[in-house]
All heavy atoms as atom14 arrays in JSON, in Angstrom:
{
  "sequence": "DLTDYQAIGRLGGTIYERHGKLDVLVGNAGIAGPSSPLGHIDLKPW",
  "atom14_mask": [
    [1, 1, 1, 1, 1, 1, 1, 1, 0, 0, 0, 0, 0, 0],
    [1, 1, 1, 1, 1, 1, 1, 1, 0, 0, 0, 0, 0, 0],
    [1, 1, 1, 1, 1, 1, 1, 0, 0, 0, 0, 0, 0, 0],
    [1, 1, 1, 1, 1, 1, 1, 1, 0, 0, 0, 0, 0, 0],
    [1, 1, 1, 1, 1, 1, 1, 1, 1, 1, 1, 1, 0, 0],
    [1, 1, 1, 1, 1, 1, 1, 1, 1, 0, 0, 0, 0, 0],
    [1, 1, 1, 1, 1, 0, 0, 0, 0, 0, 0, 0, 0, 0],
    [1, 1, 1, 1, 1, 1, 1, 1, 0, 0, 0, 0, 0, 0],
    [1, 1, 1, 1, 0, 0, 0, 0, 0, 0, 0, 0, 0, 0],
    [1, 1, 1, 1, 1, 1, 1, 1, 1, 1, 1, 0, 0, 0],
    [1, 1, 1, 1, 1, 1, 1, 1, 0, 0, 0, 0, 0, 0],
    [1, 1, 1, 1, 0, 0, 0, 0, 0, 0, 0, 0, 0, 0],
    [1, 1, 1, 1, 0, 0, 0, 0, 0, 0, 0, 0, 0, 0],
    [1, 1, 1, 1, 1, 1, 1, 0, 0, 0, 0, 0, 0, 0],
    [1, 1, 1, 1, 1, 1, 1, 1, 0, 0, 0, 0, 0, 0],
    [1, 1, 1, 1, 1, 1, 1, 1, 1, 1, 1, 1, 0, 0],
    [1, 1, 1, 1, 1, 1, 1, 1, 1, 0, 0, 0, 0, 0],
    [1, 1, 1, 1, 1, 1, 1, 1, 1, 1, 1, 0, 0, 0],
    [1, 1, 1, 1, 1, 1, 1, 1, 1, 1, 0, 0, 0, 0],
    [1, 1, 1, 1, 0, 0, 0, 0, 0, 0, 0, 0, 0, 0],
    [1, 1, 1, 1, 1, 1, 1, 1, 1, 0, 0, 0, 0, 0],
    [1, 1, 1, 1, 1, 1, 1, 1, 0, 0, 0, 0, 0, 0],
    [1, 1, 1, 1, 1, 1, 1, 1, 0, 0, 0, 0, 0, 0],
    [1, 1, 1, 1, 1, 1, 1, 0, 0, 0, 0, 0, 0, 0],
    [1, 1, 1, 1, 1, 1, 1, 1, 0, 0, 0, 0, 0, 0],
    [1, 1, 1, 1, 1, 1, 1, 0, 0, 0, 0, 0, 0, 0],
    [1, 1, 1, 1, 0, 0, 0, 0, 0, 0, 0, 0, 0, 0],
    [1, 1, 1, 1, 1, 1, 1, 1, 0, 0, 0, 0, 0, 0],
    [1, 1, 1, 1, 1, 0, 0, 0, 0, 0, 0, 0, 0, 0],
    [1, 1, 1, 1, 0, 0, 0, 0, 0, 0, 0, 0, 0, 0],
    [1, 1, 1, 1, 1, 1, 1, 1, 0, 0, 0, 0, 0, 0],
    [1, 1, 1, 1, 1, 0, 0, 0, 0, 0, 0, 0, 0, 0],
    [1, 1, 1, 1, 0, 0, 0, 0, 0, 0, 0, 0, 0, 0],
    [1, 1, 1, 1, 1, 1, 1, 0, 0, 0, 0, 0, 0, 0],
    [1, 1, 1, 1, 1, 1, 0, 0, 0, 0, 0, 0, 0, 0],
    [1, 1, 1, 1, 1, 1, 0, 0, 0, 0, 0, 0, 0, 0],
    [1, 1, 1, 1, 1, 1, 1, 0, 0, 0, 0, 0, 0, 0],
    [1, 1, 1, 1, 1, 1, 1, 1, 0, 0, 0, 0, 0, 0],
    [1, 1, 1, 1, 0, 0, 0, 0, 0, 0, 0, 0, 0, 0],
    [1, 1, 1, 1, 1, 1, 1, 1, 1, 1, 0, 0, 0, 0],
    [1, 1, 1, 1, 1, 1, 1, 1, 0, 0, 0, 0, 0, 0],
    [1, 1, 1, 1, 1, 1, 1, 1, 0, 0, 0, 0, 0, 0],
    [1, 1, 1, 1, 1, 1, 1, 1, 0, 0, 0, 0, 0, 0],
    [1, 1, 1, 1, 1, 1, 1, 1, 1, 0, 0, 0, 0, 0],
    [1, 1, 1, 1, 1, 1, 1, 0, 0, 0, 0, 0, 0, 0],
    [1, 1, 1, 1, 1, 1, 1, 1, 1, 1, 1, 1, 1, 1]
  ],
  "atom14_positions": [
    [[-5.15, 11.25, -12.0], [-6.59, 11.07, -11.8], [-6.95, 9.77, -12.5], [-6.95, 9.68, -13.73], [-7.36, 12.24, -12.4], [-8.86, 12.12, -12.2], [-9.34, 11.03, -11.79], [-9.58, 13.11, -12.45], [0.0, 0.0, 0.0], [0.0, 0.0, 0.0], [0.0, 0.0, 0.0], [0.0, 0.0, 0.0], [0.0, 0.0, 0.0], [0.0, 0.0, 0.0]],
    [[-7.27, 8.75, -11.72], [-7.5, 7.42, -12.29], [-8.71, 7.35, -13.2], [-8.84, 6.41, -13.98], [-7.61, 6.39, -11.17], [-6.3, 6.05, -10.45], [-6.59, 5.32, -9.15], [-5.4, 5.22, -11.34], [0.0, 0.0, 0.0], [0.0, 0.0, 0.0], [0.0, 0.0, 0.0], [0.0, 0.0, 0.0], [0.0, 0.0, 0.0], [0.0, 0.0, 0.0]],
    [[-9.6, 8.33, -13.09], [-10.73, 8.31, -14.01], [-10.33, 8.76, -15.42], [-11.16, 8.72, -16.33], [-11.88, 9.19, -13.49], [-11.43, 10.54, -13.33], [-12.39, 8.68, -12.15], [0.0, 0.0, 0.0], [0.0, 0.0, 0.0], [0.0, 0.0, 0.0], [0.0, 0.0, 0.0], [0.0, 0.0, 0.0], [0.0, 0.0, 0.0], [0.0, 0.0, 0.0]],
    [[-9.1, 9.15, -15.6], [-8.53, 9.32, -16.93], [-8.07, 7.93, -17.37], [-6.92, 7.55, -17.22], [-7.36, 10.31, -16.9], [-6.75, 10.55, -18.27], [-7.09, 9.82, -19.22], [-5.91, 11.45, -18.38], [0.0, 0.0, 0.0], [0.0, 0.0, 0.0], [0.0, 0.0, 0.0], [0.0, 0.0, 0.0], [0.0, 0.0, 0.0], [0.0, 0.0, 0.0]],
    [[-9.01, 7.17, -17.9], [-8.75, 5.76, -18.18], [-7.63, 5.56, -19.19], [-6.86, 4.59, -19.1], [-10.03, 5.07, -18.66], [-11.18, 5.17, -17.68], [-12.39, 5.73, -18.06], [-11.03, 4.71, -16.36], [-13.45, 5.83, -17.15], [-12.08, 4.81, -15.45], [-13.27, 5.38, -15.86], [-14.31, 5.48, -14.95], [0.0, 0.0, 0.0], [0.0, 0.0, 0.0]],
    [[-7.51, 6.48, -20.13], [-6.43, 6.36, -21.11], [-5.07, 6.54, -20.45], [-4.08, 5.94, -20.88], [-6.62, 7.4, -22.23], [-7.91, 7.22, -23.03], [-8.09, 5.81, -23.55], [-7.16, 5.25, -24.15], [-9.26, 5.23, -23.34], [0.0, 0.0, 0.0], [0.0, 0.0, 0.0], [0.0, 0.0, 0.0], [0.0, 0.0, 0.0], [0.0, 0.0, 0.0]],
    [[-5.03, 7.34, -19.39], [-3.76, 7.53, -18.67], [-3.31, 6.24, -17.99], [-2.12, 6.0, -17.85], [-3.9, 8.65, -17.65], [0.0, 0.0, 0.0], [0.0, 0.0, 0.0], [0.0, 0.0, 0.0], [0.0, 0.0, 0.0], [0.0, 0.0, 0.0], [0.0, 0.0, 0.0], [0.0, 0.0, 0.0], [0.0, 0.0, 0.0], [0.0, 0.0, 0.0]],
    [[-4.27, 5.41, -17.57], [-3.9, 4.11, -16.99], [-3.2, 3.26, -18.04], [-2.21, 2.58, -17.77], [-5.14, 3.39, -16.43], [-5.73, 4.19, -15.25], [-4.79, 1.97, -15.99], [-7.03, 3.61, -14.71], [0.0, 0.0, 0.0], [0.0, 0.0, 0.0], [0.0, 0.0, 0.0], [0.0, 0.0, 0.0], [0.0, 0.0, 0.0], [0.0, 0.0, 0.0]],
    [[-3.72, 3.31, -19.27], [-3.06, 2.59, -20.35], [-1.66, 3.1, -20.62], [-0.73, 2.32, -20.83], [0.0, 0.0, 0.0], [0.0, 0.0, 0.0], [0.0, 0.0, 0.0], [0.0, 0.0, 0.0], [0.0, 0.0, 0.0], [0.0, 0.0, 0.0], [0.0, 0.0, 0.0], [0.0, 0.0, 0.0], [0.0, 0.0, 0.0], [0.0, 0.0, 0.0]],
    [[-1.51, 4.42, -20.6], [-0.18, 4.99, -20.81], [0.77, 4.6, -19.68], [1.96, 4.36, -19.92], [-0.27, 6.5, -20.93], [-1.0, 6.97, -22.2], [-0.79, 8.45, -22.45], [-1.4, 9.29, -21.41], [-2.65, 9.72, -21.43], [-3.47, 9.36, -22.41], [-3.11, 10.52, -20.48], [0.0, 0.0, 0.0], [0.0, 0.0, 0.0], [0.0, 0.0, 0.0]],
    [[0.24, 4.53, -18.45], [1.07, 4.11, -17.32], [1.55, 2.68, -17.52], [2.72, 2.37, -17.26], [0.26, 4.22, -16.02], [0.95, 3.7, -14.75], [2.25, 4.46, -14.48], [0.0, 3.82, -13.55], [0.0, 0.0, 0.0], [0.0, 0.0, 0.0], [0.0, 0.0, 0.0], [0.0, 0.0, 0.0], [0.0, 0.0, 0.0], [0.0, 0.0, 0.0]],
    [[0.66, 1.82, -18.0], [1.08, 0.44, -18.28], [2.21, 0.4, -19.29], [3.18, -0.36, -19.14], [0.0, 0.0, 0.0], [0.0, 0.0, 0.0], [0.0, 0.0, 0.0], [0.0, 0.0, 0.0], [0.0, 0.0, 0.0], [0.0, 0.0, 0.0], [0.0, 0.0, 0.0], [0.0, 0.0, 0.0], [0.0, 0.0, 0.0], [0.0, 0.0, 0.0]],
    [[2.11, 1.23, -20.33], [3.17, 1.28, -21.33], [4.49, 1.75, -20.76], [5.56, 1.22, -21.09], [0.0, 0.0, 0.0], [0.0, 0.0, 0.0], [0.0, 0.0, 0.0], [0.0, 0.0, 0.0], [0.0, 0.0, 0.0], [0.0, 0.0, 0.0], [0.0, 0.0, 0.0], [0.0, 0.0, 0.0], [0.0, 0.0, 0.0], [0.0, 0.0, 0.0]],
    [[4.42, 2.74, -19.86], [5.64, 3.26, -19.23], [6.29, 2.2, -18.34], [7.52, 2.04, -18.32], [5.32, 4.51, -18.4], [4.79, 5.52, -19.26], [6.57, 5.04, -17.72], [0.0, 0.0, 0.0], [0.0, 0.0, 0.0], [0.0, 0.0, 0.0], [0.0, 0.0, 0.0], [0.0, 0.0, 0.0], [0.0, 0.0, 0.0], [0.0, 0.0, 0.0]],
    [[5.46, 1.47, -17.58], [6.0, 0.4, -16.73], [6.69, -0.66, -17.58], [7.77, -1.16, -17.23], [4.88, -0.22, -15.87], [4.34, 0.81, -14.87], [5.39, -1.46, -15.12], [3.08, 0.35, -14.13], [0.0, 0.0, 0.0], [0.0, 0.0, 0.0], [0.0, 0.0, 0.0], [0.0, 0.0, 0.0], [0.0, 0.0, 0.0], [0.0, 0.0, 0.0]],
    [[6.09, -0.99, -18.72], [6.71, -1.99, -19.6], [8.06, -1.5, -20.12], [9.04, -2.25, -20.13], [5.77, -2.29, -20.77], [6.39, -3.25, -21.77], [6.48, -4.61, -21.49], [6.91, -2.78, -22.98], [7.07, -5.48, -22.39], [7.5, -3.63, -23.88], [7.57, -4.99, -23.58], [8.16, -5.85, -24.48], [0.0, 0.0, 0.0], [0.0, 0.0, 0.0]],
    [[8.11, -0.24, -20.51], [9.35, 0.3, -21.06], [10.47, 0.32, -20.02], [11.63, 0.05, -20.33], [9.12, 1.72, -21.58], [8.27, 1.77, -22.84], [7.9, 3.19, -23.23], [8.35, 4.12, -22.53], [7.16, 3.36, -24.21], [0.0, 0.0, 0.0], [0.0, 0.0, 0.0], [0.0, 0.0, 0.0], [0.0, 0.0, 0.0], [0.0, 0.0, 0.0]],
    [[10.11, 0.64, -18.77], [11.12, 0.78, -17.73], [11.47, -0.53, -17.03], [12.62, -0.75, -16.63], [10.65, 1.79, -16.68], [10.55, 3.21, -17.21], [10.19, 4.18, -16.1], [10.09, 5.55, -16.6], [9.74, 6.59, -15.86], [9.46, 6.43, -14.57], [9.67, 7.8, -16.39], [0.0, 0.0, 0.0], [0.0, 0.0, 0.0], [0.0, 0.0, 0.0]],
    [[10.47, -1.38, -16.86], [10.69, -2.58, -16.04], [10.38, -3.89, -16.76], [10.84, -4.94, -16.33], [9.83, -2.49, -14.77], [10.04, -1.25, -13.97], [11.2, -1.01, -13.25], [9.24, -0.17, -13.76], [11.1, 0.17, -12.65], [9.93, 0.69, -12.94], [0.0, 0.0, 0.0], [0.0, 0.0, 0.0], [0.0, 0.0, 0.0], [0.0, 0.0, 0.0]],
    [[9.56, -3.84, -17.79], [9.25, -5.05, -18.54], [8.27, -5.99, -17.87], [7.93, -7.05, -18.42], [0.0, 0.0, 0.0], [0.0, 0.0, 0.0], [0.0, 0.0, 0.0], [0.0, 0.0, 0.0], [0.0, 0.0, 0.0], [0.0, 0.0, 0.0], [0.0, 0.0, 0.0], [0.0, 0.0, 0.0], [0.0, 0.0, 0.0], [0.0, 0.0, 0.0]],
    [[7.81, -5.62, -16.68], [6.9, -6.5, -15.93], [6.28, -5.73, -14.78], [6.68, -4.6, -14.46], [7.67, -7.69, -15.36], [8.7, -7.26, -14.29], [9.27, -8.42, -13.5], [10.21, -7.92, -12.38], [10.64, -8.98, -11.48], [0.0, 0.0, 0.0], [0.0, 0.0, 0.0], [0.0, 0.0, 0.0], [0.0, 0.0, 0.0], [0.0, 0.0, 0.0]],
    [[5.29, -6.36, -14.15], [4.74, -5.9, -12.88], [4.53, -7.12, -12.02], [3.96, -8.11, -12.46], [3.41, -5.17, -13.1], [2.74, -4.57, -11.86], [3.59, -3.43, -11.29], [1.34, -4.05, -12.2], [0.0, 0.0, 0.0], [0.0, 0.0, 0.0], [0.0, 0.0, 0.0], [0.0, 0.0, 0.0], [0.0, 0.0, 0.0], [0.0, 0.0, 0.0]],
    [[5.03, -7.07, -10.78], [4.93, -8.23, -9.9], [3.75, -8.15, -8.94], [3.19, -9.17, -8.54], [6.22, -8.37, -9.07], [7.43, -8.58, -9.95], [7.5, -9.63, -10.6], [8.29, -7.68, -10.0], [0.0, 0.0, 0.0], [0.0, 0.0, 0.0], [0.0, 0.0, 0.0], [0.0, 0.0, 0.0], [0.0, 0.0, 0.0], [0.0, 0.0, 0.0]],
    [[3.39, -6.93, -8.54], [2.32, -6.74, -7.56], [1.43, -5.58, -7.98], [1.93, -4.5, -8.32], [2.89, -6.44, -6.15], [1.75, -6.22, -5.15], [3.79, -7.58, -5.68], [0.0, 0.0, 0.0], [0.0, 0.0, 0.0], [0.0, 0.0, 0.0], [0.0, 0.0, 0.0], [0.0, 0.0, 0.0], [0.0, 0.0, 0.0], [0.0, 0.0, 0.0]],
    [[0.12, -5.82, -7.96], [-0.86, -4.77, -8.21], [-1.79, -4.7, -7.01], [-2.4, -5.71, -6.64], [-1.68, -5.07, -9.47], [-2.93, -4.22, -9.71], [-2.57, -2.75, -9.9], [-3.71, -4.75, -10.92], [0.0, 0.0, 0.0], [0.0, 0.0, 0.0], [0.0, 0.0, 0.0], [0.0, 0.0, 0.0], [0.0, 0.0, 0.0], [0.0, 0.0, 0.0]],
    [[-1.89, -3.54, -6.39], [-2.83, -3.34, -5.28], [-3.83, -2.27, -5.7], [-3.49, -1.09, -5.79], [-2.11, -2.92, -3.97], [-3.14, -2.72, -2.86], [-1.09, -3.99, -3.57], [0.0, 0.0, 0.0], [0.0, 0.0, 0.0], [0.0, 0.0, 0.0], [0.0, 0.0, 0.0], [0.0, 0.0, 0.0], [0.0, 0.0, 0.0], [0.0, 0.0, 0.0]],
    [[-5.07, -2.7, -5.96], [-6.14, -1.78, -6.33], [-6.84, -1.29, -5.08], [-7.78, -1.91, -4.59], [0.0, 0.0, 0.0], [0.0, 0.0, 0.0], [0.0, 0.0, 0.0], [0.0, 0.0, 0.0], [0.0, 0.0, 0.0], [0.0, 0.0, 0.0], [0.0, 0.0, 0.0], [0.0, 0.0, 0.0], [0.0, 0.0, 0.0], [0.0, 0.0, 0.0]],
    [[-6.35, -0.18, -4.56], [-6.83, 0.33, -3.28], [-7.74, 1.54, -3.42], [-8.62, 1.75, -2.58], [-5.63, 0.69, -2.4], [-6.02, 1.56, -1.22], [-6.56, 1.1, -0.22], [-5.76, 2.86, -1.34], [0.0, 0.0, 0.0], [0.0, 0.0, 0.0], [0.0, 0.0, 0.0], [0.0, 0.0, 0.0], [0.0, 0.0, 0.0], [0.0, 0.0, 0.0]],
    [[-7.54, 2.35, -4.45], [-8.28, 3.61, -4.56], [-9.79, 3.37, -4.52], [-10.3, 2.47, -5.19], [-7.9, 4.33, -5.84], [0.0, 0.0, 0.0], [0.0, 0.0, 0.0], [0.0, 0.0, 0.0], [0.0, 0.0, 0.0], [0.0, 0.0, 0.0], [0.0, 0.0, 0.0], [0.0, 0.0, 0.0], [0.0, 0.0, 0.0], [0.0, 0.0, 0.0]],
    [[-10.49, 4.17, -3.72], [-11.94, 4.03, -3.63], [-12.56, 5.23, -2.94], [-11.88, 5.96, -2.22], [0.0, 0.0, 0.0], [0.0, 0.0, 0.0], [0.0, 0.0, 0.0], [0.0, 0.0, 0.0], [0.0, 0.0, 0.0], [0.0, 0.0, 0.0], [0.0, 0.0, 0.0], [0.0, 0.0, 0.0], [0.0, 0.0, 0.0], [0.0, 0.0, 0.0]],
    [[-13.84, 5.44, -3.19], [-14.58, 6.51, -2.53], [-15.87, 5.95, -1.96], [-16.39, 4.93, -2.44], [-14.89, 7.69, -3.48], [-15.7, 7.24, -4.69], [-13.59, 8.36, -3.91], [-16.14, 8.38, -5.59], [0.0, 0.0, 0.0], [0.0, 0.0, 0.0], [0.0, 0.0, 0.0], [0.0, 0.0, 0.0], [0.0, 0.0, 0.0], [0.0, 0.0, 0.0]],
    [[-16.39, 6.61, -0.94], [-17.59, 6.12, -0.25], [-18.87, 6.54, -0.96], [-19.85, 5.8, -0.97], [-17.61, 6.62, 1.19], [0.0, 0.0, 0.0], [0.0, 0.0, 0.0], [0.0, 0.0, 0.0], [0.0, 0.0, 0.0], [0.0, 0.0, 0.0], [0.0, 0.0, 0.0], [0.0, 0.0, 0.0], [0.0, 0.0, 0.0], [0.0, 0.0, 0.0]],
    [[-18.87, 7.74, -1.52], [-20.09, 8.23, -2.14], [-21.12, 8.65, -1.12], [-20.88, 8.64, 0.09], [0.0, 0.0, 0.0], [0.0, 0.0, 0.0], [0.0, 0.0, 0.0], [0.0, 0.0, 0.0], [0.0, 0.0, 0.0], [0.0, 0.0, 0.0], [0.0, 0.0, 0.0], [0.0, 0.0, 0.0], [0.0, 0.0, 0.0], [0.0, 0.0, 0.0]],
    [[-22.32, 9.01, -1.58], [-23.36, 9.51, -0.68], [-23.97, 8.41, 0.18], [-24.05, 7.26, -0.23], [-24.41, 10.09, -1.64], [-24.2, 9.34, -2.92], [-22.72, 9.06, -3.0], [0.0, 0.0, 0.0], [0.0, 0.0, 0.0], [0.0, 0.0, 0.0], [0.0, 0.0, 0.0], [0.0, 0.0, 0.0], [0.0, 0.0, 0.0], [0.0, 0.0, 0.0]],
    [[-24.37, 8.8, 1.38], [-25.12, 7.89, 2.27], [-26.56, 8.4, 2.31], [-26.93, 9.19, 3.17], [-24.5, 7.89, 3.67], [-23.18, 7.37, 3.63], [0.0, 0.0, 0.0], [0.0, 0.0, 0.0], [0.0, 0.0, 0.0], [0.0, 0.0, 0.0], [0.0, 0.0, 0.0], [0.0, 0.0, 0.0], [0.0, 0.0, 0.0], [0.0, 0.0, 0.0]],
    [[-27.36, 7.96, 1.37], [-28.72, 8.46, 1.2], [-29.59, 7.36, 0.6], [-29.07, 6.4, 0.01], [-28.75, 9.66, 0.25], [-27.94, 10.72, 0.7], [0.0, 0.0, 0.0], [0.0, 0.0, 0.0], [0.0, 0.0, 0.0], [0.0, 0.0, 0.0], [0.0, 0.0, 0.0], [0.0, 0.0, 0.0], [0.0, 0.0, 0.0], [0.0, 0.0, 0.0]],
    [[-30.91, 7.48, 0.7], [-31.78, 6.54, -0.01], [-31.51, 6.61, -1.51], [-31.17, 7.68, -2.04], [-33.19, 7.05, 0.33], [-33.03, 7.85, 1.57], [-31.66, 8.46, 1.5], [0.0, 0.0, 0.0], [0.0, 0.0, 0.0], [0.0, 0.0, 0.0], [0.0, 0.0, 0.0], [0.0, 0.0, 0.0], [0.0, 0.0, 0.0], [0.0, 0.0, 0.0]],
    [[-31.64, 5.5, -2.18], [-31.33, 5.46, -3.61], [-32.09, 6.53, -4.39], [-31.53, 7.16, -5.29], [-31.66, 4.07, -4.17], [-30.69, 2.94, -3.78], [-31.25, 1.61, -4.24], [-29.31, 3.17, -4.34], [0.0, 0.0, 0.0], [0.0, 0.0, 0.0], [0.0, 0.0, 0.0], [0.0, 0.0, 0.0], [0.0, 0.0, 0.0], [0.0, 0.0, 0.0]],
    [[-33.34, 6.73, -4.05], [-34.15, 7.69, -4.79], [-33.74, 9.12, -4.61], [-34.2, 10.01, -5.35], [0.0, 0.0, 0.0], [0.0, 0.0, 0.0], [0.0, 0.0, 0.0], [0.0, 0.0, 0.0], [0.0, 0.0, 0.0], [0.0, 0.0, 0.0], [0.0, 0.0, 0.0], [0.0, 0.0, 0.0], [0.0, 0.0, 0.0], [0.0, 0.0, 0.0]],
    [[-32.88, 9.38, -3.63], [-32.41, 10.75, -3.37], [-31.02, 11.02, -3.96], [-30.49, 12.11, -3.79], [-32.36, 11.01, -1.86], [-33.71, 10.99, -1.22], [-33.88, 11.26, 0.12], [-34.95, 10.73, -1.72], [-35.16, 11.17, 0.43], [-35.83, 10.85, -0.68], [0.0, 0.0, 0.0], [0.0, 0.0, 0.0], [0.0, 0.0, 0.0], [0.0, 0.0, 0.0]],
    [[-30.44, 10.02, -4.62], [-29.08, 10.16, -5.14], [-29.11, 10.57, -6.6], [-29.77, 9.93, -7.43], [-28.3, 8.83, -4.98], [-28.18, 8.47, -3.5], [-26.91, 8.94, -5.61], [-27.61, 7.08, -3.26], [0.0, 0.0, 0.0], [0.0, 0.0, 0.0], [0.0, 0.0, 0.0], [0.0, 0.0, 0.0], [0.0, 0.0, 0.0], [0.0, 0.0, 0.0]],
    [[-28.42, 11.64, -6.92], [-28.32, 12.08, -8.31], [-27.44, 11.12, -9.11], [-26.63, 10.36, -8.55], [-27.74, 13.49, -8.38], [-28.71, 14.55, -7.86], [-29.93, 14.29, -7.89], [-28.23, 15.61, -7.42], [0.0, 0.0, 0.0], [0.0, 0.0, 0.0], [0.0, 0.0, 0.0], [0.0, 0.0, 0.0], [0.0, 0.0, 0.0], [0.0, 0.0, 0.0]],
    [[-27.59, 11.17, -10.42], [-26.84, 10.26, -11.28], [-25.33, 10.49, -11.19], [-24.54, 9.53, -11.17], [-27.3, 10.42, -12.73], [-26.62, 9.5, -13.76], [-26.85, 8.04, -13.39], [-27.14, 9.81, -15.16], [0.0, 0.0, 0.0], [0.0, 0.0, 0.0], [0.0, 0.0, 0.0], [0.0, 0.0, 0.0], [0.0, 0.0, 0.0], [0.0, 0.0, 0.0]],
    [[-24.89, 11.76, -11.12], [-23.45, 12.02, -11.13], [-22.7, 11.36, -9.96], [-21.68, 10.7, -10.18], [-23.15, 13.52, -11.15], [-21.65, 13.8, -11.29], [-21.3, 15.25, -11.28], [-19.8, 15.46, -11.53], [-18.95, 14.68, -10.62], [0.0, 0.0, 0.0], [0.0, 0.0, 0.0], [0.0, 0.0, 0.0], [0.0, 0.0, 0.0], [0.0, 0.0, 0.0]],
    [[-23.16, 11.53, -8.68], [-22.42, 10.85, -7.61], [-22.46, 9.33, -7.74], [-21.5, 8.65, -7.35], [-23.1, 11.34, -6.32], [-24.36, 12.0, -6.74], [-24.16, 12.46, -8.15], [0.0, 0.0, 0.0], [0.0, 0.0, 0.0], [0.0, 0.0, 0.0], [0.0, 0.0, 0.0], [0.0, 0.0, 0.0], [0.0, 0.0, 0.0], [0.0, 0.0, 0.0]],
    [[-23.55, 8.79, -8.29], [-23.59, 7.35, -8.54], [-22.49, 6.96, -9.54], [-21.72, 6.03, -9.29], [-24.97, 6.95, -9.08], [-25.03, 5.56, -9.64], [-24.74, 5.17, -10.92], [-25.34, 4.35, -8.92], [-24.88, 3.81, -11.04], [-25.23, 3.28, -9.84], [-25.7, 4.1, -7.6], [-25.49, 1.96, -9.48], [-25.95, 2.78, -7.24], [-25.85, 1.73, -8.15]]
  ]
}
C-alpha cells in the first residue's frame, strides 16, 4: 500500500542492498477520485 510512506523508504533500502542502484522509475499508480462539484466532496476522498 503506497500510502504507507515509510514502506516506500524501506523499499528503497532493500533495492540498495540487493542492487545498489535503480535505473528506471515509473510512477504510474493513481486514482480518479470523485466526479462531483468541489463543494460536494468530503475531505477524506480529497
